């Protein structure tokens, strides 16, 4: 009787494992283009303008630092012997 019960439980586990993998195989995965959706929104222009205004100082600072770095790289590369 114990052998029959163990076989029955093993069969039930095997059946449930096979059916659960089949259920997961049927799921579909989709990708969302968030940038495209954002640009299609009617409020996108006003949001972009407010973000640009909010981070204007930081953007200018990064641009200035980028120019400084390029200048110093050019200056040091000229001075280095080849």
C-alpha atoms as a PDB file:
ATOM      1  CA  UNK A   1       0.000   0.000   0.000  1.00  0.00           C
ATOM      2  CA  UNK A   2       2.852   2.441   0.779  1.00  0.00           C
ATOM      3  CA  UNK A   3       4.414   1.788  -2.610  1.00  0.00           C
ATOM      4  CA  UNK A   4       1.110   2.571  -4.347  1.00  0.00           C
ATOM      5  CA  UNK A   5       0.759   5.840  -2.388  1.00  0.00           C
ATOM      6  CA  UNK A   6       4.320   6.881  -3.220  1.00  0.00           C
ATOM      7  CA  UNK A   7       3.737   6.073  -6.897  1.00  0.00           C
ATOM      8  CA  UNK A   8       0.499   8.045  -6.863  1.00  0.00           C
ATOM      9  CA  UNK A   9       2.172  11.064  -5.263  1.00  0.00           C
ATOM     10  CA  UNK A  10       5.115  10.883  -7.672  1.00  0.00           C
ATOM     11  CA  UNK A  11       2.719  10.707 -10.613  1.00  0.00           C
ATOM     12  CA  UNK A  12       0.747  13.677  -9.323  1.00  0.00           C
ATOM     13  CA  UNK A  13       3.925  15.715  -8.871  1.00  0.00           C
ATOM     14  CA  UNK A  14       5.158  14.800 -12.343  1.00  0.00           C
ATOM     15  CA  UNK A  15       1.820  15.724 -13.898  1.00  0.00           C
ATOM     16  CA  UNK A  16       1.653  19.044 -12.076  1.00  0.00           C
ATOM     17  CA  UNK A  17       5.257  19.871 -13.049  1.00  0.00           C
ATOM     18  CA  UNK A  18       4.535  19.163 -16.703  1.00  0.00           C
ATOM     19  CA  UNK A  19       1.325  21.160 -16.729  1.00  0.00           C
ATOM     20  CA  UNK A  20       2.886  24.140 -14.934  1.00  0.00           C
ATOM     21  CA  UNK A  21       5.709  24.324 -17.484  1.00  0.00           C
ATOM     22  CA  UNK A  22       3.125  24.294 -20.258  1.00  0.00           C
ATOM     23  CA  UNK A  23       1.306  27.182 -18.606  1.00  0.00           C
ATOM     24  CA  UNK A  24       4.511  29.222 -18.370  1.00  0.00           C
ATOM     25  CA  UNK A  25       5.346  28.457 -21.999  1.00  0.00           C
ATOM     26  CA  UNK A  26       2.114  30.092 -23.148  1.00  0.00           C
ATOM     27  CA  UNK A  27       2.882  33.440 -21.545  1.00  0.00           C
ATOM     28  CA  UNK A  28       3.791  36.194 -23.935  1.00  0.00           C
ATOM     29  CA  UNK A  29       6.299  38.915 -23.256  1.00  0.00           C
ATOM     30  CA  UNK A  30       5.932  42.363 -24.732  1.00  0.00           C
ATOM     31  CA  UNK A  31       8.197  45.371 -24.990  1.00  0.00           C
ATOM     32  CA  UNK A  32       7.020  48.932 -24.450  1.00  0.00           C
ATOM     33  CA  UNK A  33       8.598  51.909 -26.182  1.00  0.00           C
ATOM     34  CA  UNK A  34       8.351  54.367 -23.301  1.00  0.00           C
ATOM     35  CA  UNK A  35      10.157  57.133 -25.174  1.00  0.00           C
ATOM     36  CA  UNK A  36       7.778  56.830 -28.128  1.00  0.00           C
ATOM     37  CA  UNK A  37       4.749  56.916 -25.862  1.00  0.00           C
ATOM     38  CA  UNK A  38       6.111  59.936 -24.002  1.00  0.00           C
ATOM     39  CA  UNK A  39       6.757  61.839 -27.226  1.00  0.00           C
ATOM     40  CA  UNK A  40       3.242  61.093 -28.454  1.00  0.00           C
ATOM     41  CA  UNK A  41       1.681  62.644 -25.340  1.00  0.00           C
ATOM     42  CA  UNK A  42       0.206  66.111 -25.808  1.00  0.00           C
ATOM     43  CA  UNK A  43       1.887  67.302 -22.595  1.00  0.00           C
ATOM     44  CA  UNK A  44       5.359  66.146 -23.753  1.00  0.00           C
ATOM     45  CA  UNK A  45       6.478  69.562 -25.009  1.00  0.00           C
ATOM     46  CA  UNK A  46       5.585  71.358 -21.789  1.00  0.00           C
ATOM     47  CA  UNK A  47       7.223  68.639 -19.687  1.00  0.00           C
ATOM     48  CA  UNK A  48      10.399  68.793 -21.768  1.00  0.00           C
ATOM     49  CA  UNK A  49      10.478  72.584 -21.483  1.00  0.00           C
ATOM     50  CA  UNK A  50      10.079  72.478 -17.707  1.00  0.00           C
ATOM     51  CA  UNK A  51      12.810  69.830 -17.380  1.00  0.00           C
ATOM     52  CA  UNK A  52      15.139  71.850 -19.617  1.00  0.00           C
ATOM     53  CA  UNK A  53      14.511  74.974 -17.543  1.00  0.00           C
ATOM     54  CA  UNK A  54      15.010  73.091 -14.287  1.00  0.00           C
ATOM     55  CA  UNK A  55      18.355  71.598 -15.321  1.00  0.00           C
ATOM     56  CA  UNK A  56      19.634  74.496 -17.445  1.00  0.00           C
ATOM     57  CA  UNK A  57      22.404  75.423 -15.008  1.00  0.00           C
ATOM     58  CA  UNK A  58      23.589  71.823 -14.684  1.00  0.00           C
ATOM     59  CA  UNK A  59      23.588  71.357 -18.459  1.00  0.00           C
ATOM     60  CA  UNK A  60      25.645  74.510 -18.973  1.00  0.00           C
ATOM     61  CA  UNK A  61      28.092  73.421 -16.282  1.00  0.00           C
ATOM     62  CA  UNK A  62      28.543  70.010 -17.895  1.00  0.00           C
ATOM     63  CA  UNK A  63      29.106  71.669 -21.287  1.00  0.00           C
ATOM     64  CA  UNK A  64      31.693  73.998 -19.781  1.00  0.00           C
ATOM     65  CA  UNK A  65      33.471  71.085 -18.091  1.00  0.00           C
ATOM     66  CA  UNK A  66      33.446  69.135 -21.351  1.00  0.00           C
ATOM     67  CA  UNK A  67      35.094  72.059 -23.172  1.00  0.00           C
ATOM     68  CA  UNK A  68      37.679  72.407 -20.396  1.00  0.00           C
ATOM     69  CA  UNK A  69      38.505  68.707 -20.553  1.00  0.00           C
ATOM     70  CA  UNK A  70      38.914  68.835 -24.331  1.00  0.00           C
ATOM     71  CA  UNK A  71      41.142  71.889 -24.005  1.00  0.00           C
ATOM     72  CA  UNK A  72      43.366  70.266 -21.376  1.00  0.00           C
ATOM     73  CA  UNK A  73      43.567  67.019 -23.354  1.00  0.00           C
ATOM     74  CA  UNK A  74      44.660  68.895 -26.457  1.00  0.00           C
ATOM     75  CA  UNK A  75      47.108  70.969 -24.447  1.00  0.00           C
ATOM     76  CA  UNK A  76      48.720  67.951 -22.757  1.00  0.00           C
ATOM     77  CA  UNK A  77      48.828  65.836 -25.915  1.00  0.00           C
ATOM     78  CA  UNK A  78      50.751  68.582 -27.742  1.00  0.00           C
ATOM     79  CA  UNK A  79      53.301  68.824 -24.960  1.00  0.00           C
ATOM     80  CA  UNK A  80      53.965  65.092 -24.702  1.00  0.00           C
ATOM     81  CA  UNK A  81      56.889  63.810 -26.763  1.00  0.00           C
ATOM     82  CA  UNK A  82      56.090  61.038 -29.178  1.00  0.00           C
END
